[in-house]
Amino acid sequence: MKKFIVFTAVMFLMGISAQAQKYMVVNSEKIFKAIPAYTEAIATVDTLAKEYQKTVDDAFAEIEKMYNDYQSQKAYLSISSRQIREDAIINREKEVNKYQEQVFGQQGELMKKRVELIKPIQDKVFEVINKYAQENGYDLVLDIAASPMVLYYTPSADKTEEIIKLTK
């Protein structure tokens, strides 16, 4: 019986402390889309990605043409000529794959450009959210754009519009 009373008291105190916490909800995606510099940065990165992808696609089309030409001429080539052509196709494919990794990989040029353009904007937004939360006594900030598991929140907890106003 004594354990039950202690357990009930602990649960009651935990419930009270949980209710005392203030939280706010923001939609970071909406905030970022409201910042013109972010939209421009995304457009720049997208344009750059399309240019890089076109270069890669053209290179693979070139390799495919090399291979098709080789296949159509294979019967007329000597063994050494076949080997030379096969090696050329394989080497070109390796070059293109290496280029693709240098551009689109985790440490690639596109990722570096993305970080260069977008990270300062993200840092500014996160700084504004942090400052707003601290100044208004919020203990917890939930991002509903990144958390699909939030099933309900009261609209008064959504401070997205206030953050948008502060980032301008």
Protein backbone atom coordinates (compact mmCIF):
# COMPACT_ATOMS: atom_id res chain seq x y z
CA MET A 1 0.00 0.00 0.00
CA LYS A 2 2.86 2.37 0.86
CA LYS A 3 4.44 1.72 -2.57
CA PHE A 4 1.14 2.48 -4.27
CA ILE A 5 0.82 5.85 -2.49
CA VAL A 6 4.42 6.79 -3.33
CA PHE A 7 3.93 5.71 -6.95
CA THR A 8 0.70 7.72 -7.22
CA ALA A 9 2.35 10.79 -5.68
CA VAL A 10 5.30 10.58 -8.09
CA MET A 11 2.98 10.22 -11.08
CA PHE A 12 0.89 13.16 -9.88
CA LEU A 13 3.99 15.37 -9.52
CA MET A 14 5.23 14.33 -12.97
CA GLY A 15 1.85 15.24 -14.43
CA ILE A 16 1.92 18.68 -12.81
CA SER A 17 5.47 19.38 -14.04
CA ALA A 18 4.58 18.28 -17.57
CA GLN A 19 1.65 20.69 -17.64
CA ALA A 20 3.83 23.53 -16.45
CA GLN A 21 6.03 23.37 -19.54
CA LYS A 22 5.31 25.82 -22.32
CA TYR A 23 5.70 24.70 -25.87
CA MET A 24 5.35 26.24 -29.27
CA VAL A 25 4.88 24.85 -32.74
CA VAL A 26 6.48 26.16 -35.94
CA ASN A 27 6.41 25.07 -39.54
CA SER A 28 10.00 25.53 -40.70
CA GLU A 29 9.12 24.75 -44.31
CA LYS A 30 6.60 27.62 -44.37
CA ILE A 31 9.13 29.94 -42.70
CA PHE A 32 11.86 29.14 -45.22
CA LYS A 33 9.49 29.57 -48.17
CA ALA A 34 8.59 33.03 -46.86
CA ILE A 35 12.22 34.14 -47.14
CA PRO A 36 13.07 35.32 -50.68
CA ALA A 37 16.80 34.57 -50.24
CA TYR A 38 15.97 30.94 -49.44
CA THR A 39 13.76 30.59 -52.50
CA GLU A 40 16.50 32.10 -54.66
CA ALA A 41 19.12 29.79 -53.14
CA ILE A 42 16.96 26.72 -53.81
CA ALA A 43 16.41 27.88 -57.40
CA THR A 44 20.16 28.37 -57.87
CA VAL A 45 20.93 24.91 -56.51
CA ASP A 46 18.20 23.36 -58.68
CA THR A 47 19.53 25.09 -61.80
CA LEU A 48 23.05 23.95 -61.01
CA ALA A 49 21.83 20.39 -60.43
CA LYS A 50 20.08 20.37 -63.81
CA GLU A 51 23.25 21.60 -65.52
CA TYR A 52 25.36 18.93 -63.83
CA GLN A 53 22.77 16.26 -64.63
CA LYS A 54 22.73 17.27 -68.30
CA THR A 55 26.52 16.94 -68.42
CA VAL A 56 26.33 13.47 -66.88
CA ASP A 57 23.47 12.41 -69.17
CA ASP A 58 25.38 13.62 -72.25
CA ALA A 59 28.47 11.72 -71.14
CA PHE A 60 26.49 8.51 -70.63
CA ALA A 61 24.87 8.99 -74.05
CA GLU A 62 28.38 9.28 -75.50
CA ILE A 63 29.38 6.04 -73.77
CA GLU A 64 26.27 4.31 -75.09
CA LYS A 65 27.11 5.48 -78.62
CA MET A 66 30.69 4.22 -78.20
CA TYR A 67 29.35 0.86 -77.06
CA ASN A 68 26.79 0.59 -79.88
CA ASP A 69 29.44 1.49 -82.46
CA TYR A 70 31.75 -1.10 -80.96
CA GLN A 71 29.01 -3.76 -81.06
CA SER A 72 28.25 -3.07 -84.70
CA GLN A 73 31.95 -3.18 -85.66
CA LYS A 74 33.03 -5.95 -83.30
CA ALA A 75 32.94 -8.72 -85.92
CA TYR A 76 35.33 -6.79 -88.17
CA LEU A 77 37.87 -5.87 -85.48
CA SER A 78 40.98 -7.76 -84.48
CA ILE A 79 41.31 -9.07 -80.94
CA SER A 80 43.72 -6.27 -79.98
CA SER A 81 41.43 -3.62 -81.51
CA ARG A 82 38.49 -5.07 -79.58
CA GLN A 83 40.45 -4.90 -76.34
CA ILE A 84 41.48 -1.30 -77.00
CA ARG A 85 37.89 -0.25 -77.72
CA GLU A 86 36.53 -2.14 -74.68
CA ASP A 87 39.14 -0.52 -72.45
CA ALA A 88 38.28 2.92 -73.85
CA ILE A 89 34.59 2.38 -73.10
CA ILE A 90 35.29 1.10 -69.58
CA ASN A 91 37.72 3.95 -68.82
CA ARG A 92 35.26 6.56 -70.07
CA GLU A 93 32.52 5.05 -67.94
CA LYS A 94 34.80 5.15 -64.88
CA GLU A 95 35.61 8.82 -65.59
CA VAL A 96 31.94 9.73 -65.83
CA ASN A 97 31.08 7.81 -62.65
CA LYS A 98 33.93 9.58 -60.84
CA TYR A 99 32.69 12.96 -62.09
CA GLN A 100 29.15 12.09 -61.02
CA GLU A 101 30.39 11.28 -57.50
CA GLN A 102 32.43 14.50 -57.36
CA VAL A 103 29.37 16.53 -58.26
CA PHE A 104 26.43 14.69 -56.64
CA GLY A 105 28.13 12.83 -53.78
CA GLN A 106 27.90 13.66 -50.08
CA GLN A 107 31.05 15.77 -50.34
CA GLY A 108 30.32 16.83 -53.92
CA GLU A 109 30.24 20.27 -55.45
CA LEU A 110 26.45 20.44 -55.42
CA MET A 111 26.27 19.67 -51.70
CA LYS A 112 28.97 22.24 -50.97
CA LYS A 113 27.09 24.87 -52.95
CA ARG A 114 23.87 23.97 -51.17
CA VAL A 115 25.53 24.37 -47.78
CA GLU A 116 27.17 27.63 -48.88
CA LEU A 117 23.86 29.16 -49.99
CA ILE A 118 21.32 27.67 -47.59
CA LYS A 119 23.12 27.11 -44.28
CA PRO A 120 23.42 30.85 -43.42
CA ILE A 121 19.68 31.26 -43.96
CA GLN A 122 18.91 28.19 -41.84
CA ASP A 123 21.21 29.43 -39.10
CA LYS A 124 19.46 32.81 -39.08
CA VAL A 125 16.00 31.21 -38.86
CA PHE A 126 17.05 28.82 -36.10
CA GLU A 127 18.62 31.72 -34.20
CA VAL A 128 15.37 33.72 -34.46
CA ILE A 129 13.34 30.71 -33.28
CA ASN A 130 15.72 30.15 -30.37
CA LYS A 131 15.67 33.81 -29.36
CA TYR A 132 11.86 33.98 -29.62
CA ALA A 133 11.46 30.84 -27.52
CA GLN A 134 13.83 32.09 -24.84
CA GLU A 135 12.31 35.58 -24.68
CA ASN A 136 8.79 34.18 -24.39
CA GLY A 137 9.60 31.41 -21.92
CA TYR A 138 9.02 28.38 -24.14
CA ASP A 139 10.61 25.14 -22.99
CA LEU A 140 10.02 23.16 -26.17
CA VAL A 141 9.77 23.97 -29.87
CA LEU A 142 8.18 21.42 -32.22
CA ASP A 143 8.67 21.63 -35.97
CA ILE A 144 5.51 20.29 -37.59
CA ALA A 145 7.11 20.32 -41.06
CA ALA A 146 9.67 17.71 -40.01
CA SER A 147 7.55 15.70 -37.60
CA PRO A 148 4.70 13.83 -39.22
CA MET A 149 3.89 12.19 -35.88
CA VAL A 150 2.34 15.32 -34.36
CA LEU A 151 -1.33 14.41 -34.40
CA TYR A 152 -2.78 17.54 -32.86
CA TYR A 153 -1.73 20.93 -31.57
CA THR A 154 -3.75 23.94 -30.63
CA PRO A 155 -3.51 26.74 -33.21
CA SER A 156 -2.51 29.19 -30.50
CA ALA A 157 0.70 27.18 -30.04
CA ASP A 158 1.66 27.75 -33.70
CA LYS A 159 4.11 30.65 -33.77
CA THR A 160 5.11 30.29 -37.42
CA GLU A 161 3.74 33.69 -38.47
CA GLU A 162 5.53 35.47 -35.61
CA ILE A 163 8.82 33.84 -36.63
CA ILE A 164 8.26 34.83 -40.27
CA LYS A 165 7.76 38.45 -39.21
CA LEU A 166 10.97 38.34 -37.15
CA THR A 167 13.06 36.92 -40.00
CA LYS A 168 12.23 39.79 -42.37
